[in-house]
């Protein structure tokens, strides 16, 4: 495959990994908020 043909695949992979990292960050943020909420309830 030529570099030109590979380019879309690399771009898609990059976008997917960025989206995945953002999802992980969101999950971590929600968990942290939830934990701090529980702690403040005590």
Protein backbone atom coordinates (compact mmCIF):
# COMPACT_ATOMS: atom_id res chain seq x y z
CA UNK A 1 0.00 0.00 0.00
CA UNK A 2 1.18 3.49 -0.74
CA UNK A 3 1.52 6.20 1.87
CA UNK A 4 -1.40 7.97 0.21
CA UNK A 5 -3.61 4.90 0.68
CA UNK A 6 -2.49 4.46 4.29
CA UNK A 7 -3.15 8.07 5.27
CA UNK A 8 -6.93 7.72 5.84
CA UNK A 9 -6.38 4.64 8.02
CA UNK A 10 -3.82 6.48 10.15
CA UNK A 11 -6.14 9.47 10.49
CA UNK A 12 -9.08 7.27 11.52
CA UNK A 13 -6.90 5.43 14.04
CA UNK A 14 -5.67 8.72 15.49
CA UNK A 15 -9.20 10.11 15.79
CA UNK A 16 -10.44 6.91 17.42
CA UNK A 17 -7.61 6.86 19.97
CA UNK A 18 -8.23 10.53 20.83
CA UNK A 19 -11.95 9.83 21.27
CA UNK A 20 -11.10 6.81 23.43
CA UNK A 21 -8.80 8.89 25.63
CA UNK A 22 -11.50 11.55 25.98
CA UNK A 23 -14.02 8.88 27.01
CA UNK A 24 -11.58 7.54 29.60
CA UNK A 25 -11.03 11.07 30.91
CA UNK A 26 -14.80 11.61 31.15
CA UNK A 27 -15.25 8.32 33.02
CA UNK A 28 -12.43 9.22 35.39
CA UNK A 29 -13.98 12.65 35.94
CA UNK A 30 -17.40 11.17 36.71
CA UNK A 31 -15.89 8.61 39.10
CA UNK A 32 -13.95 11.33 40.91
CA UNK A 33 -17.06 13.50 41.21
CA UNK A 34 -19.08 10.55 42.47
CA UNK A 35 -16.45 9.59 45.04
CA UNK A 36 -16.13 13.15 46.34
CA UNK A 37 -19.94 13.32 46.52
CA UNK A 38 -20.01 10.12 48.60
CA UNK A 39 -17.21 11.37 50.86
CA UNK A 40 -19.01 14.67 51.51
CA UNK A 41 -22.17 12.75 52.38
CA UNK A 42 -20.41 10.93 55.23
